[in-house]
Amino acid sequence: MKGDRVEIVVDAGDTTRTYQVVASRAGRRVETSVRRGVVEVSEVTRSGSVVRTARFMATRVLALVEQPVPRSDGEVPLGEDPGT
């Protein structure tokens, strides 16, 4: 959904760097995957086409923070308690 974002904090040797991947248009979403020591964060359309991808070495990733946009239709984002 537009506005969904994922922040990636990466160890850059002497400092840390923060990157963001944001769903920039309506109907797009941000997906994350970890395969073979690589963290991939992709912006994907409704049909499943990848618009852009950010790749990081898993050993360098310090934090991966998913920030979903609050839904107006009452849908509760994954991982949140509907009772709160």
PDB file of N, CA and C in Angstrom:
ATOM      1  N   MET A   1       0.841  -1.168   0.000  1.00  0.00           N
ATOM      2  CA  MET A   1       0.000   0.000   0.000  1.00  0.00           C
ATOM      3  C   MET A   1       0.889   1.234   0.000  1.00  0.00           C
ATOM      4  N   LYS A   2       0.476   2.275  -0.698  1.00  0.00           N
ATOM      5  CA  LYS A   2       1.262   3.495  -0.790  1.00  0.00           C
ATOM      6  C   LYS A   2       1.632   3.998   0.597  1.00  0.00           C
ATOM      7  N   GLY A   3       2.893   4.305   0.785  1.00  0.00           N
ATOM      8  CA  GLY A   3       3.370   4.801   2.065  1.00  0.00           C
ATOM      9  C   GLY A   3       4.032   3.751   2.933  1.00  0.00           C
ATOM     10  N   ASP A   4       3.788   2.464   2.637  1.00  0.00           N
ATOM     11  CA  ASP A   4       4.508   1.419   3.369  1.00  0.00           C
ATOM     12  C   ASP A   4       5.995   1.631   3.162  1.00  0.00           C
ATOM     13  N   ARG A   5       6.779   1.415   4.201  1.00  0.00           N
ATOM     14  CA  ARG A   5       8.214   1.631   4.063  1.00  0.00           C
ATOM     15  C   ARG A   5       8.991   0.618   4.872  1.00  0.00           C
ATOM     16  N   VAL A   6      10.218   0.388   4.441  1.00  0.00           N
ATOM     17  CA  VAL A   6      11.152  -0.465   5.164  1.00  0.00           C
ATOM     18  C   VAL A   6      12.442   0.325   5.315  1.00  0.00           C
ATOM     19  N   GLU A   7      12.930   0.420   6.545  1.00  0.00           N
ATOM     20  CA  GLU A   7      14.217   1.065   6.812  1.00  0.00           C
ATOM     21  C   GLU A   7      15.254  -0.016   7.054  1.00  0.00           C
ATOM     22  N   ILE A   8      16.428   0.160   6.451  1.00  0.00           N
ATOM     23  CA  ILE A   8      17.515  -0.792   6.595  1.00  0.00           C
ATOM     24  C   ILE A   8      18.709  -0.041   7.169  1.00  0.00           C
ATOM     25  N   VAL A   9      19.218  -0.504   8.315  1.00  0.00           N
ATOM     26  CA  VAL A   9      20.407   0.087   8.927  1.00  0.00           C
ATOM     27  C   VAL A   9      21.568  -0.864   8.657  1.00  0.00           C
ATOM     28  N   VAL A  10      22.625  -0.316   8.035  1.00  0.00           N
ATOM     29  CA  VAL A  10      23.745  -1.129   7.573  1.00  0.00           C
ATOM     30  C   VAL A  10      25.039  -0.645   8.217  1.00  0.00           C
ATOM     31  N   ASP A  11      25.883  -1.595   8.627  1.00  0.00           N
ATOM     32  CA  ASP A  11      27.216  -1.293   9.143  1.00  0.00           C
ATOM     33  C   ASP A  11      28.109  -0.940   7.963  1.00  0.00           C
ATOM     34  N   ALA A  12      28.638   0.275   7.975  1.00  0.00           N
ATOM     35  CA  ALA A  12      29.498   0.734   6.882  1.00  0.00           C
ATOM     36  C   ALA A  12      30.943   0.892   7.345  1.00  0.00           C
ATOM     37  N   GLY A  13      31.386   0.018   8.236  1.00  0.00           N
ATOM     38  CA  GLY A  13      32.758   0.082   8.734  1.00  0.00           C
ATOM     39  C   GLY A  13      32.862   0.965   9.950  1.00  0.00           C
ATOM     40  N   ASP A  14      33.171   2.228   9.762  1.00  0.00           N
ATOM     41  CA  ASP A  14      33.342   3.149  10.887  1.00  0.00           C
ATOM     42  C   ASP A  14      32.048   3.854  11.289  1.00  0.00           C
ATOM     43  N   THR A  15      30.990   3.658  10.553  1.00  0.00           N
ATOM     44  CA  THR A  15      29.717   4.314  10.834  1.00  0.00           C
ATOM     45  C   THR A  15      28.568   3.414  10.383  1.00  0.00           C
ATOM     46  N   THR A  16      27.334   3.875  10.602  1.00  0.00           N
ATOM     47  CA  THR A  16      26.173   3.154  10.079  1.00  0.00           C
ATOM     48  C   THR A  16      25.475   4.030   9.051  1.00  0.00           C
ATOM     49  N   ARG A  17      24.801   3.380   8.127  1.00  0.00           N
ATOM     50  CA  ARG A  17      24.026   4.102   7.118  1.00  0.00           C
ATOM     51  C   ARG A  17      22.608   3.565   7.135  1.00  0.00           C
ATOM     52  N   THR A  18      21.660   4.458   6.914  1.00  0.00           N
ATOM     53  CA  THR A  18      20.250   4.078   6.900  1.00  0.00           C
ATOM     54  C   THR A  18      19.684   4.304   5.506  1.00  0.00           C
ATOM     55  N   TYR A  19      18.993   3.288   4.995  1.00  0.00           N
ATOM     56  CA  TYR A  19      18.358   3.355   3.694  1.00  0.00           C
ATOM     57  C   TYR A  19      16.873   3.114   3.877  1.00  0.00           C
ATOM     58  N   GLN A  20      16.048   3.666   2.971  1.00  0.00           N
ATOM     59  CA  GLN A  20      14.613   3.451   3.017  1.00  0.00           C
ATOM     60  C   GLN A  20      14.120   3.017   1.645  1.00  0.00           C
ATOM     61  N   VAL A  21      13.213   2.060   1.641  1.00  0.00           N
ATOM     62  CA  VAL A  21      12.494   1.689   0.428  1.00  0.00           C
ATOM     63  C   VAL A  21      11.027   1.944   0.738  1.00  0.00           C
ATOM     64  N   VAL A  22      10.382   2.772  -0.107  1.00  0.00           N
ATOM     65  CA  VAL A  22       9.011   3.210   0.156  1.00  0.00           C
ATOM     66  C   VAL A  22       8.127   2.824  -1.025  1.00  0.00           C
ATOM     67  N   ALA A  23       6.914   2.349  -0.727  1.00  0.00           N
ATOM     68  CA  ALA A  23       5.924   2.104  -1.778  1.00  0.00           C
ATOM     69  C   ALA A  23       5.441   3.468  -2.247  1.00  0.00           C
ATOM     70  N   SER A  24       5.873   3.885  -3.437  1.00  0.00           N
ATOM     71  CA  SER A  24       5.687   5.260  -3.887  1.00  0.00           C
ATOM     72  C   SER A  24       4.351   5.547  -4.559  1.00  0.00           C
ATOM     73  N   ARG A  25       3.620   4.514  -4.978  1.00  0.00           N
ATOM     74  CA  ARG A  25       2.345   4.736  -5.656  1.00  0.00           C
ATOM     75  C   ARG A  25       1.273   3.816  -5.085  1.00  0.00           C
ATOM     76  N   ALA A  26       0.031   4.161  -5.335  1.00  0.00           N
ATOM     77  CA  ALA A  26      -1.087   3.342  -4.869  1.00  0.00           C
ATOM     78  C   ALA A  26      -1.007   1.953  -5.502  1.00  0.00           C
ATOM     79  N   GLY A  27      -1.279   0.927  -4.701  1.00  0.00           N
ATOM     80  CA  GLY A  27      -1.269  -0.435  -5.203  1.00  0.00           C
ATOM     81  C   GLY A  27       0.074  -1.124  -5.122  1.00  0.00           C
ATOM     82  N   ARG A  28       1.097  -0.415  -4.732  1.00  0.00           N
ATOM     83  CA  ARG A  28       2.413  -1.035  -4.589  1.00  0.00           C
ATOM     84  C   ARG A  28       2.658  -1.407  -3.141  1.00  0.00           C
ATOM     85  N   ARG A  29       3.534  -2.376  -2.953  1.00  0.00           N
ATOM     86  CA  ARG A  29       3.880  -2.822  -1.607  1.00  0.00           C
ATOM     87  C   ARG A  29       5.386  -3.057  -1.541  1.00  0.00           C
ATOM     88  N   VAL A  30       5.890  -3.192  -0.323  1.00  0.00           N
ATOM     89  CA  VAL A  30       7.315  -3.442  -0.122  1.00  0.00           C
ATOM     90  C   VAL A  30       7.463  -4.842   0.460  1.00  0.00           C
ATOM     91  N   GLU A  31       8.295  -5.658  -0.169  1.00  0.00           N
ATOM     92  CA  GLU A  31       8.531  -7.029   0.286  1.00  0.00           C
ATOM     93  C   GLU A  31       9.991  -7.197   0.657  1.00  0.00           C
ATOM     94  N   THR A  32      10.236  -8.005   1.689  1.00  0.00           N
ATOM     95  CA  THR A  32      11.611  -8.299   2.102  1.00  0.00           C
ATOM     96  C   THR A  32      11.855  -9.797   2.004  1.00  0.00           C
ATOM     97  N   SER A  33      13.101 -10.154   1.717  1.00  0.00           N
ATOM     98  CA  SER A  33      13.482 -11.567   1.704  1.00  0.00           C
ATOM     99  C   SER A  33      14.961 -11.673   2.051  1.00  0.00           C
ATOM    100  N   VAL A  34      15.316 -12.810   2.648  1.00  0.00           N
ATOM    101  CA  VAL A  34      16.708 -13.089   2.985  1.00  0.00           C
ATOM    102  C   VAL A  34      17.056 -14.420   2.341  1.00  0.00           C
ATOM    103  N   ARG A  35      18.014 -14.399   1.414  1.00  0.00           N
ATOM    104  CA  ARG A  35      18.428 -15.612   0.704  1.00  0.00           C
ATOM    105  C   ARG A  35      19.927 -15.607   0.508  1.00  0.00           C
ATOM    106  N   ARG A  36      20.548 -16.729   0.827  1.00  0.00           N
ATOM    107  CA  ARG A  36      21.974 -16.925   0.552  1.00  0.00           C
ATOM    108  C   ARG A  36      22.849 -15.773   1.040  1.00  0.00           C
ATOM    109  N   GLY A  37      22.551 -15.280   2.226  1.00  0.00           N
ATOM    110  CA  GLY A  37      23.383 -14.243   2.813  1.00  0.00           C
ATOM    111  C   GLY A  37      23.144 -12.850   2.266  1.00  0.00           C
ATOM    112  N   VAL A  38      22.037 -12.663   1.530  1.00  0.00           N
ATOM    113  CA  VAL A  38      21.707 -11.353   0.963  1.00  0.00           C
ATOM    114  C   VAL A  38      20.295 -10.970   1.399  1.00  0.00           C
ATOM    115  N   VAL A  39      20.149  -9.739   1.892  1.00  0.00           N
ATOM    116  CA  VAL A  39      18.834  -9.202   2.245  1.00  0.00           C
ATOM    117  C   VAL A  39      18.354  -8.388   1.050  1.00  0.00           C
ATOM    118  N   GLU A  40      17.162  -8.708   0.550  1.00  0.00           N
ATOM    119  CA  GLU A  40      16.570  -7.990  -0.580  1.00  0.00           C
ATOM    120  C   GLU A  40      15.309  -7.298  -0.121  1.00  0.00           C
ATOM    121  N   VAL A  41      15.182  -6.018  -0.454  1.00  0.00           N
ATOM    122  CA  VAL A  41      13.972  -5.259  -0.172  1.00  0.00           C
ATOM    123  C   VAL A  41      13.494  -4.719  -1.511  1.00  0.00           C
ATOM    124  N   SER A  42      12.265  -5.088  -1.903  1.00  0.00           N
ATOM    125  CA  SER A  42      11.763  -4.740  -3.230  1.00  0.00           C
ATOM    126  C   SER A  42      10.431  -4.018  -3.151  1.00  0.00           C
ATOM    127  N   GLU A  43      10.246  -3.050  -4.056  1.00  0.00           N
ATOM    128  CA  GLU A  43       8.945  -2.420  -4.255  1.00  0.00           C
ATOM    129  C   GLU A  43       8.274  -3.190  -5.383  1.00  0.00           C
ATOM    130  N   VAL A  44       7.052  -3.669  -5.128  1.00  0.00           N
ATOM    131  CA  VAL A  44       6.371  -4.579  -6.049  1.00  0.00           C
ATOM    132  C   VAL A  44       4.991  -4.023  -6.391  1.00  0.00           C
ATOM    133  N   THR A  45       4.574  -4.187  -7.666  1.00  0.00           N
ATOM    134  CA  THR A  45       3.247  -3.751  -8.099  1.00  0.00           C
ATOM    135  C   THR A  45       2.205  -4.795  -7.720  1.00  0.00           C
ATOM    136  N   ARG A  46       0.934  -4.471  -7.965  1.00  0.00           N
ATOM    137  CA  ARG A  46      -0.155  -5.416  -7.681  1.00  0.00           C
ATOM    138  C   ARG A  46       0.018  -6.727  -8.422  1.00  0.00           C
ATOM    139  N   SER A  47       0.512  -6.642  -9.664  1.00  0.00           N
ATOM    140  CA  SER A  47       0.651  -7.841 -10.488  1.00  0.00           C
ATOM    141  C   SER A  47       1.893  -8.655 -10.144  1.00  0.00           C
ATOM    142  N   GLY A  48       2.751  -8.132  -9.259  1.00  0.00           N
ATOM    143  CA  GLY A  48       3.937  -8.874  -8.833  1.00  0.00           C
ATOM    144  C   GLY A  48       5.215  -8.468  -9.537  1.00  0.00           C
ATOM    145  N   SER A  49       5.145  -7.460 -10.409  1.00  0.00           N
ATOM    146  CA  SER A  49       6.352  -6.989 -11.089  1.00  0.00           C
ATOM    147  C   SER A  49       7.195  -6.154 -10.138  1.00  0.00           C
ATOM    148  N   VAL A  50       8.481  -6.423 -10.131  1.00  0.00           N
ATOM    149  CA  VAL A  50       9.393  -5.678  -9.265  1.00  0.00           C
ATOM    150  C   VAL A  50       9.740  -4.349  -9.922  1.00  0.00           C
ATOM    151  N   VAL A  51       9.561  -3.256  -9.173  1.00  0.00           N
ATOM    152  CA  VAL A  51       9.865  -1.917  -9.676  1.00  0.00           C
ATOM    153  C   VAL A  51      11.318  -1.570  -9.392  1.00  0.00           C
ATOM    154  N   ARG A  52      11.749  -1.813  -8.155  1.00  0.00           N
ATOM    155  CA  ARG A  52      13.142  -1.579  -7.773  1.00  0.00           C
ATOM    156  C   ARG A  52      13.502  -2.471  -6.601  1.00  0.00           C
ATOM    157  N   THR A  53      14.779  -2.739  -6.471  1.00  0.00           N
ATOM    158  CA  THR A  53      15.263  -3.642  -5.426  1.00  0.00           C
ATOM    159  C   THR A  53      16.520  -3.064  -4.801  1.00  0.00           C
ATOM    160  N   ALA A  54      16.613  -3.181  -3.486  1.00  0.00           N
ATOM    161  CA  ALA A  54      17.830  -2.828  -2.757  1.00  0.00           C
ATOM    162  C   ALA A  54      18.382  -4.121  -2.169  1.00  0.00           C
ATOM    163  N   ARG A  55      19.683  -4.370  -2.353  1.00  0.00           N
ATOM    164  CA  ARG A  55      20.313  -5.597  -1.842  1.00  0.00           C
ATOM    165  C   ARG A  55      21.453  -5.233  -0.895  1.00  0.00           C
ATOM    166  N   PHE A  56      21.526  -5.995   0.202  1.00  0.00           N
ATOM    167  CA  PHE A  56      22.554  -5.771   1.210  1.00  0.00           C
ATOM    168  C   PHE A  56      23.083  -7.114   1.680  1.00  0.00           C
ATOM    169  N   MET A  57      24.372  -7.167   2.034  1.00  0.00           N
ATOM    170  CA  MET A  57      24.941  -8.375   2.624  1.00  0.00           C
ATOM    171  C   MET A  57      24.326  -8.559   4.014  1.00  0.00           C
ATOM    172  N   ALA A  58      23.816  -9.739   4.283  1.00  0.00           N
ATOM    173  CA  ALA A  58      23.128  -9.994   5.549  1.00  0.00           C
ATOM    174  C   ALA A  58      24.036  -9.778   6.757  1.00  0.00           C
ATOM    175  N   THR A  59      25.336 -10.037   6.607  1.00  0.00           N
ATOM    176  CA  THR A  59      26.258  -9.863   7.725  1.00  0.00           C
ATOM    177  C   THR A  59      26.456  -8.394   8.083  1.00  0.00           C
ATOM    178  N   ARG A  60      26.107  -7.490   7.180  1.00  0.00           N
ATOM    179  CA  ARG A  60      26.257  -6.049   7.428  1.00  0.00           C
ATOM    180  C   ARG A  60      24.980  -5.380   7.908  1.00  0.00           C
ATOM    181  N   VAL A  61      23.843  -6.055   7.793  1.00  0.00           N
ATOM    182  CA  VAL A  61      22.563  -5.460   8.187  1.00  0.00           C
ATOM    183  C   VAL A  61      22.425  -5.525   9.705  1.00  0.00           C
ATOM    184  N   LEU A  62      22.254  -4.361  10.323  1.00  0.00           N
ATOM    185  CA  LEU A  62      22.084  -4.272  11.772  1.00  0.00           C
ATOM    186  C   LEU A  62      20.613  -4.296  12.160  1.00  0.00           C
ATOM    187  N   ALA A  63      19.760  -3.664  11.342  1.00  0.00           N
ATOM    188  CA  ALA A  63      18.323  -3.616  11.649  1.00  0.00           C
ATOM    189  C   ALA A  63      17.532  -3.520  10.363  1.00  0.00           C
ATOM    190  N   LEU A  64      16.363  -4.146  10.394  1.00  0.00           N
ATOM    191  CA  LEU A  64      15.426  -4.105   9.274  1.00  0.00           C
ATOM    192  C   LEU A  64      14.072  -3.782   9.885  1.00  0.00           C
ATOM    193  N   VAL A  65      13.579  -2.569   9.660  1.00  0.00           N
ATOM    194  CA  VAL A  65      12.367  -2.094  10.324  1.00  0.00           C
ATOM    195  C   VAL A  65      11.267  -1.896   9.290  1.00  0.00           C
ATOM    196  N   GLU A  66      10.189  -2.677   9.411  1.00  0.00           N
ATOM    197  CA  GLU A  66       9.043  -2.531   8.520  1.00  0.00           C
ATOM    198  C   GLU A  66       8.054  -1.579   9.170  1.00  0.00           C
ATOM    199  N   GLN A  67       7.608  -0.560   8.417  1.00  0.00           N
ATOM    200  CA  GLN A  67       6.681   0.426   8.937  1.00  0.00           C
ATOM    201  C   GLN A  67       5.465   0.518   8.024  1.00  0.00           C
ATOM    202  N   PRO A  68       4.432  -0.300   8.293  1.00  0.00           N
ATOM    203  CA  PRO A  68       3.234  -0.247   7.464  1.00  0.00           C
ATOM    204  C   PRO A  68       2.422   1.006   7.754  1.00  0.00           C
ATOM    205  N   VAL A  69       1.703   1.477   6.763  1.00  0.00           N
ATOM    206  CA  VAL A  69       0.816   2.621   6.930  1.00  0.00           C
ATOM    207  C   VAL A  69      -0.457   2.138   7.611  1.00  0.00           C
ATOM    208  N   PRO A  70      -0.975   2.861   8.601  1.00  0.00           N
ATOM    209  CA  PRO A  70      -2.235   2.447   9.235  1.00  0.00           C
ATOM    210  C   PRO A  70      -3.352   2.392   8.189  1.00  0.00           C
ATOM    211  N   ARG A  71      -4.112   1.310   8.188  1.00  0.00           N
ATOM    212  CA  ARG A  71      -5.179   1.110   7.206  1.00  0.00           C
ATOM    213  C   ARG A  71      -6.458   1.798   7.679  1.00  0.00           C
ATOM    214  N   SER A  72      -7.159   2.453   6.785  1.00  0.00           N
ATOM    215  CA  SER A  72      -8.404   3.139   7.134  1.00  0.00           C
ATOM    216  C   SER A  72      -9.599   2.199   7.140  1.00  0.00           C
ATOM    217  N   ASP A  73      -9.461   1.009   6.528  1.00  0.00           N
ATOM    218  CA  ASP A  73     -10.578   0.070   6.447  1.00  0.00           C
ATOM    219  C   ASP A  73     -10.659  -0.862   7.650  1.00  0.00           C
ATOM    220  N   GLY A  74      -9.861  -0.604   8.672  1.00  0.00           N
ATOM    221  CA  GLY A  74      -9.908  -1.418   9.879  1.00  0.00           C
ATOM    222  C   GLY A  74      -9.010  -2.639   9.834  1.00  0.00           C
ATOM    223  N   GLU A  75      -8.320  -2.859   8.723  1.00  0.00           N
ATOM    224  CA  GLU A  75      -7.416  -4.003   8.618  1.00  0.00           C
ATOM    225  C   GLU A  75      -6.243  -3.799   9.562  1.00  0.00           C
ATOM    226  N   VAL A  76      -5.894  -4.844  10.274  1.00  0.00           N
ATOM    227  CA  VAL A  76      -4.780  -4.779  11.213  1.00  0.00           C
ATOM    228  C   VAL A  76      -3.537  -5.309  10.506  1.00  0.00           C
ATOM    229  N   PRO A  77      -2.447  -4.501  10.434  1.00  0.00           N
ATOM    230  CA  PRO A  77      -1.210  -4.992   9.808  1.00  0.00           C
ATOM    231  C   PRO A  77      -0.678  -6.210  10.522  1.00  0.00           C
ATOM    232  N   LEU A  78       0.010  -7.063   9.784  1.00  0.00           N
ATOM    233  CA  LEU A  78       0.570  -8.283  10.328  1.00  0.00           C
ATOM    234  C   LEU A  78       1.445  -8.004  11.547  1.00  0.00           C
ATOM    235  N   GLY A  79       1.331  -8.819  12.564  1.00  0.00           N
ATOM    236  CA  GLY A  79       2.176  -8.700  13.730  1.00  0.00           C
ATOM    237  C   GLY A  79       1.642  -7.764  14.797  1.00  0.00           C
ATOM    238  N   GLU A  80       0.514  -7.112  14.543  1.00  0.00           N
ATOM    239  CA  GLU A  80      -0.047  -6.217  15.558  1.00  0.00           C
ATOM    240  C   GLU A  80      -1.258  -6.855  16.216  1.00  0.00           C
ATOM    241  N   ASP A  81      -1.453  -6.551  17.477  1.00  0.00           N
ATOM    242  CA  ASP A  81      -2.560  -7.092  18.236  1.00  0.00           C
ATOM    243  C   ASP A  81      -3.811  -6.263  17.982  1.00  0.00           C
ATOM    244  N   PRO A  82      -4.912  -6.862  17.487  1.00  0.00           N
ATOM    245  CA  PRO A  82      -6.116  -6.100  17.202  1.00  0.00           C
ATOM    246  C   PRO A  82      -6.804  -5.564  18.463  1.00  0.00           C
ATOM    247  N   GLY A  83      -6.438  -6.065  19.638  1.00  0.00           N
ATOM    248  CA  GLY A  83      -7.058  -5.627  20.875  1.00  0.00           C
ATOM    249  C   GLY A  83      -6.506  -4.325  21.428  1.00  0.00           C
ATOM    250  N   THR A  84      -5.417  -3.825  20.843  1.00  0.00           N
ATOM    251  CA  THR A  84      -4.825  -2.600  21.386  1.00  0.00           C
ATOM    252  C   THR A  84      -5.183  -1.388  20.595  1.00  0.00           C
TER     253      THR A  84
END
